[in-house]
PDB file of all heavy atoms in Angstrom:
ATOM      1  N   LYS A   1     -17.602  -7.704  -4.298  1.00  0.00           N
ATOM      2  CA  LYS A   1     -16.271  -8.167  -3.905  1.00  0.00           C
ATOM      3  C   LYS A   1     -15.198  -7.635  -4.849  1.00  0.00           C
ATOM      4  O   LYS A   1     -14.109  -7.271  -4.415  1.00  0.00           O
ATOM      5  CB  LYS A   1     -16.255  -9.696  -3.862  1.00  0.00           C
ATOM      6  CG  LYS A   1     -16.993 -10.280  -2.659  1.00  0.00           C
ATOM      7  CD  LYS A   1     -16.804 -11.768  -2.549  1.00  0.00           C
ATOM      8  CE  LYS A   1     -17.615 -12.518  -3.590  1.00  0.00           C
ATOM      9  NZ  LYS A   1     -17.528 -13.983  -3.411  1.00  0.00           N
ATOM     10  N   ARG A   2     -15.518  -7.585  -6.142  1.00  0.00           N
ATOM     11  CA  ARG A   2     -14.542  -7.031  -7.088  1.00  0.00           C
ATOM     12  C   ARG A   2     -14.287  -5.557  -6.816  1.00  0.00           C
ATOM     13  O   ARG A   2     -13.157  -5.080  -6.917  1.00  0.00           O
ATOM     14  CB  ARG A   2     -15.037  -7.231  -8.515  1.00  0.00           C
ATOM     15  CG  ARG A   2     -14.894  -8.660  -9.037  1.00  0.00           C
ATOM     16  CD  ARG A   2     -15.042  -8.700 -10.554  1.00  0.00           C
ATOM     17  NE  ARG A   2     -16.351  -8.227 -10.980  1.00  0.00           N
ATOM     18  CZ  ARG A   2     -17.412  -9.016 -11.118  1.00  0.00           C
ATOM     19  NH1 ARG A   2     -17.340 -10.310 -10.857  1.00  0.00           N
ATOM     20  NH2 ARG A   2     -18.571  -8.504 -11.536  1.00  0.00           N
ATOM     21  N   ALA A   3     -15.343  -4.820  -6.480  1.00  0.00           N
ATOM     22  CA  ALA A   3     -15.183  -3.400  -6.174  1.00  0.00           C
ATOM     23  C   ALA A   3     -14.329  -3.200  -4.928  1.00  0.00           C
ATOM     24  O   ALA A   3     -13.467  -2.310  -4.875  1.00  0.00           O
ATOM     25  CB  ALA A   3     -16.543  -2.746  -5.991  1.00  0.00           C
ATOM     26  N   ASP A   4     -14.575  -4.043  -3.899  1.00  0.00           N
ATOM     27  CA  ASP A   4     -13.764  -3.953  -2.679  1.00  0.00           C
ATOM     28  C   ASP A   4     -12.298  -4.279  -2.975  1.00  0.00           C
ATOM     29  O   ASP A   4     -11.394  -3.620  -2.463  1.00  0.00           O
ATOM     30  CB  ASP A   4     -14.297  -4.922  -1.622  1.00  0.00           C
ATOM     31  CG  ASP A   4     -15.622  -4.472  -1.030  1.00  0.00           C
ATOM     32  OD1 ASP A   4     -16.000  -3.294  -1.252  1.00  0.00           O
ATOM     33  OD2 ASP A   4     -16.278  -5.293  -0.371  1.00  0.00           O
ATOM     34  N   ALA A   5     -12.085  -5.289  -3.798  1.00  0.00           N
ATOM     35  CA  ALA A   5     -10.720  -5.672  -4.142  1.00  0.00           C
ATOM     36  C   ALA A   5     -10.016  -4.536  -4.871  1.00  0.00           C
ATOM     37  O   ALA A   5      -8.839  -4.254  -4.611  1.00  0.00           O
ATOM     38  CB  ALA A   5     -10.726  -6.944  -4.992  1.00  0.00           C
ATOM     39  N   GLU A   6     -10.705  -3.892  -5.786  1.00  0.00           N
ATOM     40  CA  GLU A   6     -10.104  -2.790  -6.527  1.00  0.00           C
ATOM     41  C   GLU A   6      -9.781  -1.617  -5.609  1.00  0.00           C
ATOM     42  O   GLU A   6      -8.737  -0.980  -5.747  1.00  0.00           O
ATOM     43  CB  GLU A   6     -11.031  -2.342  -7.655  1.00  0.00           C
ATOM     44  CG  GLU A   6     -10.446  -1.262  -8.551  1.00  0.00           C
ATOM     45  CD  GLU A   6      -9.157  -1.670  -9.227  1.00  0.00           C
ATOM     46  OE1 GLU A   6      -8.963  -2.874  -9.484  1.00  0.00           O
ATOM     47  OE2 GLU A   6      -8.330  -0.770  -9.504  1.00  0.00           O
ATOM     48  N   ARG A   7     -10.663  -1.340  -4.659  1.00  0.00           N
ATOM     49  CA  ARG A   7     -10.387  -0.244  -3.703  1.00  0.00           C
ATOM     50  C   ARG A   7      -9.167  -0.567  -2.857  1.00  0.00           C
ATOM     51  O   ARG A   7      -8.320   0.296  -2.610  1.00  0.00           O
ATOM     52  CB  ARG A   7     -11.614  -0.004  -2.826  1.00  0.00           C
ATOM     53  CG  ARG A   7     -12.715   0.793  -3.506  1.00  0.00           C
ATOM     54  CD  ARG A   7     -13.740   1.274  -2.503  1.00  0.00           C
ATOM     55  NE  ARG A   7     -14.532   0.171  -1.969  1.00  0.00           N
ATOM     56  CZ  ARG A   7     -15.660  -0.263  -2.504  1.00  0.00           C
ATOM     57  NH1 ARG A   7     -16.130   0.284  -3.615  1.00  0.00           N
ATOM     58  NH2 ARG A   7     -16.345  -1.260  -1.933  1.00  0.00           N
ATOM     59  N   ASN A   8      -9.068  -1.816  -2.410  1.00  0.00           N
ATOM     60  CA  ASN A   8      -7.889  -2.189  -1.623  1.00  0.00           C
ATOM     61  C   ASN A   8      -6.613  -2.090  -2.455  1.00  0.00           C
ATOM     62  O   ASN A   8      -5.571  -1.652  -1.965  1.00  0.00           O
ATOM     63  CB  ASN A   8      -8.047  -3.613  -1.086  1.00  0.00           C
ATOM     64  CG  ASN A   8      -8.878  -3.658   0.186  1.00  0.00           C
ATOM     65  OD1 ASN A   8      -8.974  -2.672   0.913  1.00  0.00           O
ATOM     66  ND2 ASN A   8      -9.489  -4.795   0.442  1.00  0.00           N
ATOM     67  N   ARG A   9      -6.695  -2.496  -3.713  1.00  0.00           N
ATOM     68  CA  ARG A   9      -5.524  -2.412  -4.580  1.00  0.00           C
ATOM     69  C   ARG A   9      -5.068  -0.960  -4.744  1.00  0.00           C
ATOM     70  O   ARG A   9      -3.865  -0.670  -4.673  1.00  0.00           O
ATOM     71  CB  ARG A   9      -5.834  -3.024  -5.950  1.00  0.00           C
ATOM     72  CG  ARG A   9      -4.627  -3.099  -6.885  1.00  0.00           C
ATOM     73  CD  ARG A   9      -5.002  -3.762  -8.199  1.00  0.00           C
ATOM     74  NE  ARG A   9      -3.830  -4.032  -9.018  1.00  0.00           N
ATOM     75  CZ  ARG A   9      -3.238  -3.141  -9.815  1.00  0.00           C
ATOM     76  NH1 ARG A   9      -3.731  -1.911  -9.907  1.00  0.00           N
ATOM     77  NH2 ARG A   9      -2.166  -3.465 -10.516  1.00  0.00           N
ATOM     78  N   GLU A  10      -6.013  -0.061  -4.938  1.00  0.00           N
ATOM     79  CA  GLU A  10      -5.657   1.353  -5.088  1.00  0.00           C
ATOM     80  C   GLU A  10      -5.095   1.918  -3.797  1.00  0.00           C
ATOM     81  O   GLU A  10      -4.180   2.755  -3.828  1.00  0.00           O
ATOM     82  CB  GLU A  10      -6.884   2.154  -5.538  1.00  0.00           C
ATOM     83  CG  GLU A  10      -7.270   1.916  -6.988  1.00  0.00           C
ATOM     84  CD  GLU A  10      -6.116   2.188  -7.939  1.00  0.00           C
ATOM     85  OE1 GLU A  10      -5.455   3.229  -7.788  1.00  0.00           O
ATOM     86  OE2 GLU A  10      -5.854   1.348  -8.821  1.00  0.00           O
ATOM     87  N   ARG A  11      -5.618   1.477  -2.668  1.00  0.00           N
ATOM     88  CA  ARG A  11      -5.070   1.931  -1.380  1.00  0.00           C
ATOM     89  C   ARG A  11      -3.633   1.457  -1.213  1.00  0.00           C
ATOM     90  O   ARG A  11      -2.770   2.200  -0.714  1.00  0.00           O
ATOM     91  CB  ARG A  11      -5.945   1.413  -0.236  1.00  0.00           C
ATOM     92  CG  ARG A  11      -7.318   2.058  -0.166  1.00  0.00           C
ATOM     93  CD  ARG A  11      -8.242   1.326   0.769  1.00  0.00           C
ATOM     94  NE  ARG A  11      -7.808   1.433   2.155  1.00  0.00           N
ATOM     95  CZ  ARG A  11      -8.465   0.870   3.169  1.00  0.00           C
ATOM     96  NH1 ARG A  11      -9.540   0.148   2.944  1.00  0.00           N
ATOM     97  NH2 ARG A  11      -8.036   1.033   4.400  1.00  0.00           N
ATOM     98  N   ILE A  12      -3.373   0.231  -1.622  1.00  0.00           N
ATOM     99  CA  ILE A  12      -2.004  -0.303  -1.536  1.00  0.00           C
ATOM    100  C   ILE A  12      -1.064   0.484  -2.435  1.00  0.00           C
ATOM    101  O   ILE A  12       0.039   0.870  -2.031  1.00  0.00           O
ATOM    102  CB  ILE A  12      -2.003  -1.796  -1.920  1.00  0.00           C
ATOM    103  CG1 ILE A  12      -2.732  -2.621  -0.857  1.00  0.00           C
ATOM    104  CG2 ILE A  12      -0.573  -2.308  -2.090  1.00  0.00           C
ATOM    105  CD1 ILE A  12      -3.076  -4.032  -1.303  1.00  0.00           C
ATOM    106  N   LEU A  13      -1.484   0.752  -3.671  1.00  0.00           N
ATOM    107  CA  LEU A  13      -0.641   1.492  -4.603  1.00  0.00           C
ATOM    108  C   LEU A  13      -0.384   2.918  -4.109  1.00  0.00           C
ATOM    109  O   LEU A  13       0.739   3.421  -4.208  1.00  0.00           O
ATOM    110  CB  LEU A  13      -1.285   1.528  -5.988  1.00  0.00           C
ATOM    111  CG  LEU A  13      -1.311   0.192  -6.747  1.00  0.00           C
ATOM    112  CD1 LEU A  13      -2.091   0.339  -8.039  1.00  0.00           C
ATOM    113  CD2 LEU A  13       0.103  -0.299  -7.030  1.00  0.00           C
ATOM    114  N   THR A  14      -1.420   3.553  -3.572  1.00  0.00           N
ATOM    115  CA  THR A  14      -1.264   4.918  -3.051  1.00  0.00           C
ATOM    116  C   THR A  14      -0.264   4.940  -1.899  1.00  0.00           C
ATOM    117  O   THR A  14       0.609   5.812  -1.818  1.00  0.00           O
ATOM    118  CB  THR A  14      -2.614   5.471  -2.593  1.00  0.00           C
ATOM    119  OG1 THR A  14      -3.495   5.542  -3.712  1.00  0.00           O
ATOM    120  CG2 THR A  14      -2.465   6.861  -1.984  1.00  0.00           C
ATOM    121  N   ALA A  15      -0.395   3.975  -0.999  1.00  0.00           N
ATOM    122  CA  ALA A  15       0.517   3.901   0.144  1.00  0.00           C
ATOM    123  C   ALA A  15       1.945   3.620  -0.312  1.00  0.00           C
ATOM    124  O   ALA A  15       2.904   4.238   0.178  1.00  0.00           O
ATOM    125  CB  ALA A  15       0.053   2.802   1.100  1.00  0.00           C
ATOM    126  N   ALA A  16       2.103   2.707  -1.268  1.00  0.00           N
ATOM    127  CA  ALA A  16       3.447   2.370  -1.749  1.00  0.00           C
ATOM    128  C   ALA A  16       4.087   3.561  -2.451  1.00  0.00           C
ATOM    129  O   ALA A  16       5.280   3.840  -2.263  1.00  0.00           O
ATOM    130  CB  ALA A  16       3.382   1.169  -2.693  1.00  0.00           C
ATOM    131  N   ARG A  17       3.321   4.283  -3.265  1.00  0.00           N
ATOM    132  CA  ARG A  17       3.858   5.480  -3.935  1.00  0.00           C
ATOM    133  C   ARG A  17       4.389   6.476  -2.909  1.00  0.00           C
ATOM    134  O   ARG A  17       5.463   7.046  -3.060  1.00  0.00           O
ATOM    135  CB  ARG A  17       2.786   6.135  -4.798  1.00  0.00           C
ATOM    136  CG  ARG A  17       2.451   5.391  -6.072  1.00  0.00           C
ATOM    137  CD  ARG A  17       1.552   6.211  -6.971  1.00  0.00           C
ATOM    138  NE  ARG A  17       1.115   5.442  -8.129  1.00  0.00           N
ATOM    139  CZ  ARG A  17      -0.055   4.851  -8.235  1.00  0.00           C
ATOM    140  NH1 ARG A  17      -0.951   4.986  -7.254  1.00  0.00           N
ATOM    141  NH2 ARG A  17      -0.372   4.152  -9.309  1.00  0.00           N
ATOM    142  N   LYS A  18       3.606   6.700  -1.862  1.00  0.00           N
ATOM    143  CA  LYS A  18       3.997   7.661  -0.827  1.00  0.00           C
ATOM    144  C   LYS A  18       5.281   7.219  -0.127  1.00  0.00           C
ATOM    145  O   LYS A  18       6.226   8.022   0.030  1.00  0.00           O
ATOM    146  CB  LYS A  18       2.867   7.803   0.193  1.00  0.00           C
ATOM    147  CG  LYS A  18       3.199   8.695   1.372  1.00  0.00           C
ATOM    148  CD  LYS A  18       2.056   8.738   2.379  1.00  0.00           C
ATOM    149  CE  LYS A  18       2.440   9.555   3.605  1.00  0.00           C
ATOM    150  NZ  LYS A  18       1.331   9.566   4.604  1.00  0.00           N
ATOM    151  N   LEU A  19       5.347   5.969   0.277  1.00  0.00           N
ATOM    152  CA  LEU A  19       6.513   5.488   1.015  1.00  0.00           C
ATOM    153  C   LEU A  19       7.750   5.393   0.132  1.00  0.00           C
ATOM    154  O   LEU A  19       8.849   5.761   0.553  1.00  0.00           O
ATOM    155  CB  LEU A  19       6.201   4.125   1.636  1.00  0.00           C
ATOM    156  CG  LEU A  19       5.151   4.140   2.754  1.00  0.00           C
ATOM    157  CD1 LEU A  19       4.850   2.719   3.211  1.00  0.00           C
ATOM    158  CD2 LEU A  19       5.618   4.988   3.935  1.00  0.00           C
ATOM    159  N   TYR A  20       7.583   4.894  -1.087  1.00  0.00           N
ATOM    160  CA  TYR A  20       8.725   4.812  -1.988  1.00  0.00           C
ATOM    161  C   TYR A  20       9.273   6.198  -2.302  1.00  0.00           C
ATOM    162  O   TYR A  20      10.484   6.405  -2.386  1.00  0.00           O
ATOM    163  CB  TYR A  20       8.332   4.129  -3.299  1.00  0.00           C
ATOM    164  CG  TYR A  20       8.066   2.646  -3.197  1.00  0.00           C
ATOM    165  CD1 TYR A  20       7.200   2.021  -4.094  1.00  0.00           C
ATOM    166  CD2 TYR A  20       8.682   1.853  -2.231  1.00  0.00           C
ATOM    167  CE1 TYR A  20       6.959   0.656  -4.035  1.00  0.00           C
ATOM    168  CE2 TYR A  20       8.437   0.495  -2.149  1.00  0.00           C
ATOM    169  CZ  TYR A  20       7.579  -0.103  -3.059  1.00  0.00           C
ATOM    170  OH  TYR A  20       7.342  -1.447  -2.990  1.00  0.00           O
ATOM    171  N   ALA A  21       8.384   7.172  -2.517  1.00  0.00           N
ATOM    172  CA  ALA A  21       8.820   8.525  -2.877  1.00  0.00           C
ATOM    173  C   ALA A  21       9.624   9.170  -1.762  1.00  0.00           C
ATOM    174  O   ALA A  21      10.600   9.883  -2.019  1.00  0.00           O
ATOM    175  CB  ALA A  21       7.620   9.388  -3.223  1.00  0.00           C
ATOM    176  N   SER A  22       9.235   8.932  -0.520  1.00  0.00           N
ATOM    177  CA  SER A  22       9.903   9.590   0.609  1.00  0.00           C
ATOM    178  C   SER A  22      11.050   8.785   1.195  1.00  0.00           C
ATOM    179  O   SER A  22      12.012   9.357   1.718  1.00  0.00           O
ATOM    180  CB  SER A  22       8.882   9.889   1.719  1.00  0.00           C
ATOM    181  OG  SER A  22       8.295   8.687   2.199  1.00  0.00           O
ATOM    182  N   GLU A  23      10.976   7.451   1.093  1.00  0.00           N
ATOM    183  CA  GLU A  23      11.961   6.618   1.774  1.00  0.00           C
ATOM    184  C   GLU A  23      12.804   5.759   0.839  1.00  0.00           C
ATOM    185  O   GLU A  23      13.807   5.184   1.267  1.00  0.00           O
ATOM    186  CB  GLU A  23      11.244   5.689   2.769  1.00  0.00           C
ATOM    187  CG  GLU A  23      10.362   6.412   3.789  1.00  0.00           C
ATOM    188  CD  GLU A  23      11.158   7.306   4.712  1.00  0.00           C
ATOM    189  OE1 GLU A  23      12.350   7.018   4.939  1.00  0.00           O
ATOM    190  OE2 GLU A  23      10.592   8.290   5.219  1.00  0.00           O
ATOM    191  N   GLY A  24      12.420   5.624  -0.413  1.00  0.00           N
ATOM    192  CA  GLY A  24      13.140   4.732  -1.308  1.00  0.00           C
ATOM    193  C   GLY A  24      12.534   3.340  -1.323  1.00  0.00           C
ATOM    194  O   GLY A  24      11.490   3.092  -0.715  1.00  0.00           O
ATOM    195  N   LEU A  25      13.205   2.416  -1.989  1.00  0.00           N
ATOM    196  CA  LEU A  25      12.636   1.089  -2.224  1.00  0.00           C
ATOM    197  C   LEU A  25      12.869   0.100  -1.101  1.00  0.00           C
ATOM    198  O   LEU A  25      12.419  -1.047  -1.186  1.00  0.00           O
ATOM    199  CB  LEU A  25      13.211   0.502  -3.520  1.00  0.00           C
ATOM    200  CG  LEU A  25      12.929   1.266  -4.800  1.00  0.00           C
ATOM    201  CD1 LEU A  25      13.480   0.498  -5.996  1.00  0.00           C
ATOM    202  CD2 LEU A  25      11.440   1.516  -4.982  1.00  0.00           C
ATOM    203  N   ASP A  26      13.546   0.497  -0.030  1.00  0.00           N
ATOM    204  CA  ASP A  26      13.836  -0.437   1.063  1.00  0.00           C
ATOM    205  C   ASP A  26      12.648  -0.635   1.991  1.00  0.00           C
ATOM    206  O   ASP A  26      12.727  -1.419   2.942  1.00  0.00           O
ATOM    207  CB  ASP A  26      15.036   0.051   1.878  1.00  0.00           C
ATOM    208  CG  ASP A  26      16.333  -0.062   1.098  1.00  0.00           C
ATOM    209  OD1 ASP A  26      16.392  -0.914   0.196  1.00  0.00           O
ATOM    210  OD2 ASP A  26      17.266   0.709   1.383  1.00  0.00           O
ATOM    211  N   ILE A  27      11.553   0.065   1.749  1.00  0.00           N
ATOM    212  CA  ILE A  27      10.363  -0.084   2.575  1.00  0.00           C
ATOM    213  C   ILE A  27       9.835  -1.514   2.464  1.00  0.00           C
ATOM    214  O   ILE A  27       9.738  -2.066   1.364  1.00  0.00           O
ATOM    215  CB  ILE A  27       9.279   0.924   2.134  1.00  0.00           C
ATOM    216  CG1 ILE A  27       9.734   2.355   2.425  1.00  0.00           C
ATOM    217  CG2 ILE A  27       7.956   0.650   2.811  1.00  0.00           C
ATOM    218  CD1 ILE A  27       9.960   2.638   3.891  1.00  0.00           C
ATOM    219  N   SER A  28       9.470  -2.095   3.582  1.00  0.00           N
ATOM    220  CA  SER A  28       8.989  -3.472   3.587  1.00  0.00           C
ATOM    221  C   SER A  28       7.532  -3.552   3.132  1.00  0.00           C
ATOM    222  O   SER A  28       6.783  -2.570   3.182  1.00  0.00           O
ATOM    223  CB  SER A  28       9.105  -4.063   4.991  1.00  0.00           C
ATOM    224  OG  SER A  28       8.178  -3.433   5.875  1.00  0.00           O
ATOM    225  N   MET A  29       7.139  -4.738   2.696  1.00  0.00           N
ATOM    226  CA  MET A  29       5.746  -4.960   2.320  1.00  0.00           C
ATOM    227  C   MET A  29       4.832  -4.759   3.526  1.00  0.00           C
ATOM    228  O   MET A  29       3.712  -4.255   3.393  1.00  0.00           O
ATOM    229  CB  MET A  29       5.586  -6.372   1.749  1.00  0.00           C
ATOM    230  CG  MET A  29       6.343  -6.634   0.462  1.00  0.00           C
ATOM    231  SD  MET A  29       5.570  -5.888  -0.988  1.00  0.00           S
ATOM    232  CE  MET A  29       4.459  -7.215  -1.480  1.00  0.00           C
ATOM    233  N   ALA A  30       5.301  -5.130   4.698  1.00  0.00           N
ATOM    234  CA  ALA A  30       4.501  -4.935   5.912  1.00  0.00           C
ATOM    235  C   ALA A  30       4.245  -3.458   6.173  1.00  0.00           C
ATOM    236  O   ALA A  30       3.143  -3.070   6.585  1.00  0.00           O
ATOM    237  CB  ALA A  30       5.204  -5.569   7.106  1.00  0.00           C
ATOM    238  N   ALA A  31       5.257  -2.626   5.926  1.00  0.00           N
ATOM    239  CA  ALA A  31       5.082  -1.184   6.114  1.00  0.00           C
ATOM    240  C   ALA A  31       4.074  -0.629   5.118  1.00  0.00           C
ATOM    241  O   ALA A  31       3.265   0.247   5.459  1.00  0.00           O
ATOM    242  CB  ALA A  31       6.419  -0.469   5.963  1.00  0.00           C
ATOM    243  N   VAL A  32       4.085  -1.133   3.904  1.00  0.00           N
ATOM    244  CA  VAL A  32       3.106  -0.708   2.899  1.00  0.00           C
ATOM    245  C   VAL A  32       1.704  -1.092   3.345  1.00  0.00           C
ATOM    246  O   VAL A  32       0.758  -0.301   3.234  1.00  0.00           O
ATOM    247  CB  VAL A  32       3.430  -1.319   1.519  1.00  0.00           C
ATOM    248  CG1 VAL A  32       2.314  -1.009   0.524  1.00  0.00           C
ATOM    249  CG2 VAL A  32       4.757  -0.778   1.004  1.00  0.00           C
ATOM    250  N   ALA A  33       1.551  -2.307   3.848  1.00  0.00           N
ATOM    251  CA  ALA A  33       0.234  -2.759   4.314  1.00  0.00           C
ATOM    252  C   ALA A  33      -0.271  -1.869   5.445  1.00  0.00           C
ATOM    253  O   ALA A  33      -1.449  -1.486   5.462  1.00  0.00           O
ATOM    254  CB  ALA A  33       0.311  -4.222   4.768  1.00  0.00           C
ATOM    255  N   ARG A  34       0.603  -1.531   6.384  1.00  0.00           N
ATOM    256  CA  ARG A  34       0.194  -0.665   7.494  1.00  0.00           C
ATOM    257  C   ARG A  34      -0.242   0.704   6.985  1.00  0.00           C
ATOM    258  O   ARG A  34      -1.258   1.259   7.414  1.00  0.00           O
ATOM    259  CB  ARG A  34       1.331  -0.512   8.504  1.00  0.00           C
ATOM    260  CG  ARG A  34       1.576  -1.734   9.362  1.00  0.00           C
ATOM    261  CD  ARG A  34       2.473  -1.403  10.544  1.00  0.00           C
ATOM    262  NE  ARG A  34       3.788  -0.920  10.125  1.00  0.00           N
ATOM    263  CZ  ARG A  34       4.824  -1.709   9.890  1.00  0.00           C
ATOM    264  NH1 ARG A  34       4.718  -3.024  10.004  1.00  0.00           N
ATOM    265  NH2 ARG A  34       5.994  -1.189   9.538  1.00  0.00           N
ATOM    266  N   GLU A  35       0.546   1.275   6.065  1.00  0.00           N
ATOM    267  CA  GLU A  35       0.223   2.592   5.528  1.00  0.00           C
ATOM    268  C   GLU A  35      -1.103   2.558   4.770  1.00  0.00           C
ATOM    269  O   GLU A  35      -1.890   3.522   4.831  1.00  0.00           O
ATOM    270  CB  GLU A  35       1.337   3.053   4.591  1.00  0.00           C
ATOM    271  CG  GLU A  35       1.121   4.412   3.942  1.00  0.00           C
ATOM    272  CD  GLU A  35       1.210   5.575   4.913  1.00  0.00           C
ATOM    273  OE1 GLU A  35       1.891   5.438   5.958  1.00  0.00           O
ATOM    274  OE2 GLU A  35       0.605   6.618   4.621  1.00  0.00           O
ATOM    275  N   ALA A  36      -1.369   1.454   4.087  1.00  0.00           N
ATOM    276  CA  ALA A  36      -2.604   1.326   3.314  1.00  0.00           C
ATOM    277  C   ALA A  36      -3.802   1.002   4.185  1.00  0.00           C
ATOM    278  O   ALA A  36      -4.954   1.152   3.752  1.00  0.00           O
ATOM    279  CB  ALA A  36      -2.436   0.255   2.237  1.00  0.00           C
ATOM    280  N   GLY A  37      -3.551   0.527   5.403  1.00  0.00           N
ATOM    281  CA  GLY A  37      -4.648   0.134   6.283  1.00  0.00           C
ATOM    282  C   GLY A  37      -5.273  -1.191   5.882  1.00  0.00           C
ATOM    283  O   GLY A  37      -6.481  -1.398   6.071  1.00  0.00           O
ATOM    284  N   VAL A  38      -4.454  -2.085   5.328  1.00  0.00           N
ATOM    285  CA  VAL A  38      -4.945  -3.410   4.943  1.00  0.00           C
ATOM    286  C   VAL A  38      -4.091  -4.465   5.630  1.00  0.00           C
ATOM    287  O   VAL A  38      -2.971  -4.195   6.093  1.00  0.00           O
ATOM    288  CB  VAL A  38      -4.912  -3.624   3.414  1.00  0.00           C
ATOM    289  CG1 VAL A  38      -5.707  -2.543   2.702  1.00  0.00           C
ATOM    290  CG2 VAL A  38      -3.474  -3.657   2.891  1.00  0.00           C
ATOM    291  N   GLY A  39      -4.612  -5.686   5.682  1.00  0.00           N
ATOM    292  CA  GLY A  39      -3.841  -6.788   6.226  1.00  0.00           C
ATOM    293  C   GLY A  39      -2.800  -7.278   5.243  1.00  0.00           C
ATOM    294  O   GLY A  39      -2.916  -7.069   4.033  1.00  0.00           O
ATOM    295  N   LYS A  40      -1.777  -7.932   5.762  1.00  0.00           N
ATOM    296  CA  LYS A  40      -0.734  -8.452   4.874  1.00  0.00           C
ATOM    297  C   LYS A  40      -1.287  -9.478   3.891  1.00  0.00           C
ATOM    298  O   LYS A  40      -0.850  -9.564   2.754  1.00  0.00           O
ATOM    299  CB  LYS A  40       0.409  -9.047   5.710  1.00  0.00           C
ATOM    300  CG  LYS A  40       1.268  -7.993   6.385  1.00  0.00           C
ATOM    301  CD  LYS A  40       2.523  -8.605   6.985  1.00  0.00           C
ATOM    302  CE  LYS A  40       2.209  -9.435   8.222  1.00  0.00           C
ATOM    303  NZ  LYS A  40       3.452  -9.929   8.865  1.00  0.00           N
TER     304      LYS A  40
END
């Protein structure tokens, strides 16, 4: 479970980096979740 949690965390960070870099900080948390492929 800890390994799964860490993988999800890295997916969230990767998605947020991508969206913030291209769109700025106005991206919603929901958009980050969609990009990461995780639930809110």
